[in-house]
Amino acid sequence: MAEQKFAYKESLRVGMLLAGTAGYIDSYTFAFHDNRFASFQSGNLLQFGINVASGHWHQASLFFWPVIAFLFGAMLNQLIKKYSFRTQMQWEARSVLIEMFGVLFVAILEMTHVPTELVLSILAIFMAMQADTFGKLRGMPYATVLSTGNLKTFGAPLGSGLLNHDKTQFVKTRNVGLVIAAFLIAAIVAHYLGLIIGA
């Protein structure tokens, strides 16, 4: 498929960059913020449930705040969509710009040793905005902030391509595979950079 048939926000380059951002942030928050995630809310909900079941209410609350912040981020993105028509900038560009400055702001906050809850909550807001803004990769559904659905989107066309000898399915498999690889590589880079910097 020709690249120009799709909006720029659906391009492979954008998909890989966004997935890499999410992989980097989640790896960093997991390694250096008490095994919690900024975007992988299934992990936070699981930990919340386990701690509630064990009667560890304070520990459970630590996993609950990123979930609430993620919900708020998705709601905030709807506000950006609604009022973006008043300016020349597309709402997708506005969301990415807000996310970019937000992540930079968090990096500065980290140097001041603010509470983990604040860092995670702010990052969760921006990860929700990213997830809500970008949902298609060259016409295919995908997720920029987690890989469970992407693994399914990788496996389904791979199986279809093998069964039906359809080369277009292998192209889809390659595209999603590159996004998954970007997520994984960024997660590895974040871990080692964190160790080097001494986070």
Protein backbone atom coordinates (compact mmCIF):
# COMPACT_ATOMS: atom_id res chain seq x y z
CA MET A 1 0.00 0.00 0.00
CA ALA A 2 1.24 3.48 -0.83
CA GLU A 3 2.02 5.71 2.13
CA GLN A 4 0.15 8.69 0.63
CA LYS A 5 -3.18 6.84 0.82
CA PHE A 6 -3.19 7.28 4.57
CA ALA A 7 -3.17 10.28 6.86
CA TYR A 8 0.24 11.14 8.31
CA LYS A 9 -0.97 10.22 11.79
CA GLU A 10 -1.47 6.64 10.49
CA SER A 11 2.07 6.37 9.11
CA LEU A 12 4.47 3.68 10.22
CA ARG A 13 7.01 6.25 11.37
CA VAL A 14 4.50 7.95 13.68
CA GLY A 15 3.29 4.59 15.00
CA MET A 16 6.81 3.47 15.85
CA LEU A 17 7.72 6.76 17.53
CA LEU A 18 4.58 6.75 19.67
CA ALA A 19 4.93 3.09 20.62
CA GLY A 20 8.56 3.75 21.50
CA THR A 21 7.51 6.64 23.72
CA ALA A 22 5.02 4.45 25.58
CA GLY A 23 7.49 1.57 25.94
CA TYR A 24 10.13 3.92 27.29
CA ILE A 25 7.80 5.58 29.80
CA ASP A 26 6.25 2.35 31.09
CA SER A 27 9.63 0.66 31.44
CA TYR A 28 10.94 3.67 33.34
CA THR A 29 7.97 3.96 35.69
CA PHE A 30 7.94 0.21 36.36
CA ALA A 31 11.65 0.08 37.15
CA PHE A 32 11.95 3.29 39.15
CA HIS A 33 8.45 3.99 40.48
CA ASP A 34 7.50 0.92 42.51
CA ASN A 35 6.40 -1.46 39.73
CA ARG A 36 3.64 0.87 38.55
CA PHE A 37 2.77 1.90 35.00
CA ALA A 38 1.86 5.18 33.35
CA SER A 39 -0.07 3.65 30.44
CA PHE A 40 -0.55 -0.07 31.12
CA GLN A 41 -3.62 0.31 33.32
CA SER A 42 -4.41 -3.41 33.24
CA GLY A 43 -1.26 -3.93 35.29
CA ASN A 44 -2.25 -1.21 37.74
CA LEU A 45 -5.80 -2.56 38.08
CA LEU A 46 -4.45 -6.06 38.66
CA GLN A 47 -2.13 -4.85 41.41
CA PHE A 48 -4.96 -2.78 42.88
CA GLY A 49 -7.24 -5.82 43.01
CA ILE A 50 -4.61 -8.09 44.52
CA ASN A 51 -3.82 -5.56 47.24
CA VAL A 52 -7.51 -5.00 48.01
CA ALA A 53 -8.01 -8.76 48.29
CA SER A 54 -5.02 -8.94 50.65
CA GLY A 55 -6.32 -6.09 52.78
CA HIS A 56 -3.39 -3.82 51.89
CA TRP A 57 -5.50 -0.71 51.39
CA HIS A 58 -2.70 1.84 51.34
CA GLN A 59 -0.72 -0.18 48.81
CA ALA A 60 -3.87 -0.62 46.72
CA SER A 61 -4.42 3.14 46.62
CA LEU A 62 -0.96 3.64 45.12
CA PHE A 63 -2.02 1.66 42.05
CA PHE A 64 -5.40 3.37 41.86
CA TRP A 65 -4.26 6.96 41.21
CA PRO A 66 -2.66 6.31 37.80
CA VAL A 67 -5.93 4.69 36.68
CA ILE A 68 -7.93 7.77 37.67
CA ALA A 69 -5.39 10.04 35.96
CA PHE A 70 -5.60 7.94 32.79
CA LEU A 71 -9.39 8.36 32.77
CA PHE A 72 -8.95 12.10 33.21
CA GLY A 73 -6.50 12.21 30.28
CA ALA A 74 -9.00 10.53 27.97
CA MET A 75 -11.65 13.05 29.06
CA LEU A 76 -9.26 15.96 28.56
CA ASN A 77 -8.58 14.83 25.00
CA GLN A 78 -12.29 15.13 24.22
CA LEU A 79 -12.11 18.76 25.28
CA ILE A 80 -9.17 19.30 22.92
CA LYS A 81 -11.11 17.68 20.07
CA LYS A 82 -14.17 19.84 20.70
CA TYR A 83 -12.42 23.19 20.75
CA SER A 84 -9.64 22.59 18.21
CA PHE A 85 -11.82 23.95 15.37
CA ARG A 86 -11.22 27.47 16.70
CA THR A 87 -7.57 27.38 15.62
CA GLN A 88 -5.68 26.34 12.51
CA MET A 89 -3.85 23.56 14.36
CA GLN A 90 -5.35 20.07 14.03
CA TRP A 91 -6.45 18.51 17.29
CA GLU A 92 -4.05 15.57 16.86
CA ALA A 93 -1.11 17.96 16.59
CA ARG A 94 -2.33 19.87 19.63
CA SER A 95 -2.58 16.65 21.67
CA VAL A 96 0.94 15.58 20.72
CA LEU A 97 2.31 19.04 21.51
CA ILE A 98 0.69 18.99 24.95
CA GLU A 99 2.07 15.48 25.55
CA MET A 100 5.56 16.52 24.48
CA PHE A 101 5.67 19.49 26.85
CA GLY A 102 4.05 17.39 29.57
CA VAL A 103 6.72 14.69 29.39
CA LEU A 104 9.42 17.39 29.43
CA PHE A 105 7.75 18.91 32.49
CA VAL A 106 7.78 15.52 34.24
CA ALA A 107 11.48 15.09 33.43
CA ILE A 108 12.14 18.40 35.19
CA LEU A 109 9.93 17.37 38.12
CA GLU A 110 11.91 14.15 38.51
CA MET A 111 15.03 16.20 39.25
CA THR A 112 13.22 17.80 42.20
CA HIS A 113 12.28 14.40 43.68
CA VAL A 114 8.53 14.97 43.78
CA PRO A 115 6.28 12.11 44.99
CA THR A 116 5.91 9.12 42.69
CA GLU A 117 2.12 9.54 42.69
CA LEU A 118 2.43 12.95 41.03
CA VAL A 119 4.86 11.74 38.36
CA LEU A 120 2.75 8.70 37.51
CA SER A 121 -0.49 10.65 37.43
CA ILE A 122 0.84 13.31 35.08
CA LEU A 123 2.37 10.72 32.75
CA ALA A 124 -0.85 8.68 32.80
CA ILE A 125 -2.80 11.73 31.62
CA PHE A 126 -0.53 12.17 28.62
CA MET A 127 -0.45 8.47 27.80
CA ALA A 128 -4.27 8.46 27.76
CA MET A 129 -4.27 11.41 25.38
CA GLN A 130 -1.86 9.55 23.09
CA ALA A 131 -3.94 6.37 23.20
CA ASP A 132 -7.12 8.29 22.39
CA THR A 133 -5.54 10.29 19.56
CA PHE A 134 -3.85 7.54 17.58
CA GLY A 135 -5.77 4.34 16.87
CA LYS A 136 -4.93 3.37 13.30
CA LEU A 137 -1.76 2.25 11.56
CA ARG A 138 -2.16 2.44 7.78
CA GLY A 139 -5.85 1.72 8.11
CA MET A 140 -5.46 -1.03 10.74
CA PRO A 141 -6.49 -0.70 14.37
CA TYR A 142 -3.58 -0.69 16.80
CA ALA A 143 -2.55 0.73 20.16
CA THR A 144 0.37 3.06 20.75
CA VAL A 145 0.55 2.56 24.51
CA LEU A 146 0.38 -1.22 24.98
CA SER A 147 1.15 -4.35 23.02
CA THR A 148 -1.49 -6.95 23.92
CA GLY A 149 -3.85 -5.88 21.15
CA ASN A 150 -0.93 -5.35 18.80
CA LEU A 151 0.19 -8.95 19.31
CA LYS A 152 -3.28 -10.06 18.24
CA THR A 153 -3.13 -7.69 15.26
CA PHE A 154 0.28 -9.19 14.43
CA GLY A 155 -0.84 -12.81 14.70
CA ALA A 156 -4.15 -12.58 12.83
CA PRO A 157 -2.79 -11.31 9.48
CA LEU A 158 0.24 -13.59 9.82
CA GLY A 159 -2.05 -16.60 10.09
CA SER A 160 -4.28 -15.31 7.31
CA GLY A 161 -1.28 -14.70 5.06
CA LEU A 162 0.08 -18.19 5.64
CA LEU A 163 -3.29 -19.85 5.09
CA ASN A 164 -4.35 -17.83 2.06
CA HIS A 165 -0.95 -17.01 0.54
CA ASP A 166 -1.89 -13.31 0.71
CA LYS A 167 1.13 -10.99 0.58
CA THR A 168 -0.88 -7.97 1.73
CA GLN A 169 -1.41 -9.71 5.06
CA PHE A 170 2.35 -10.07 5.48
CA VAL A 171 2.71 -6.31 4.92
CA LYS A 172 0.25 -5.73 7.79
CA THR A 173 2.20 -8.19 9.92
CA ARG A 174 5.45 -6.37 9.19
CA ASN A 175 3.95 -2.97 10.06
CA VAL A 176 2.57 -4.08 13.42
CA GLY A 177 5.73 -6.07 14.10
CA LEU A 178 7.81 -2.91 13.71
CA VAL A 179 5.56 -1.06 16.15
CA ILE A 180 5.92 -3.89 18.69
CA ALA A 181 9.69 -3.88 18.17
CA ALA A 182 9.82 -0.10 18.74
CA PHE A 183 7.92 -0.54 22.02
CA LEU A 184 10.27 -3.31 23.17
CA ILE A 185 13.50 -1.58 22.14
CA ALA A 186 12.47 1.66 23.86
CA ALA A 187 11.62 -0.29 27.02
CA ILE A 188 15.10 -1.84 27.04
CA VAL A 189 16.77 1.53 26.38
CA ALA A 190 14.81 3.15 29.23
CA HIS A 191 15.93 0.47 31.66
CA TYR A 192 19.61 0.81 30.85
CA LEU A 193 19.54 4.61 30.67
CA GLY A 194 17.89 4.66 34.08
CA LEU A 195 20.66 2.50 35.50
CA ILE A 196 23.36 4.65 33.92
CA ILE A 197 21.87 7.94 35.08
CA GLY A 198 21.28 6.49 38.51
CA ALA A 199 17.54 6.97 38.74
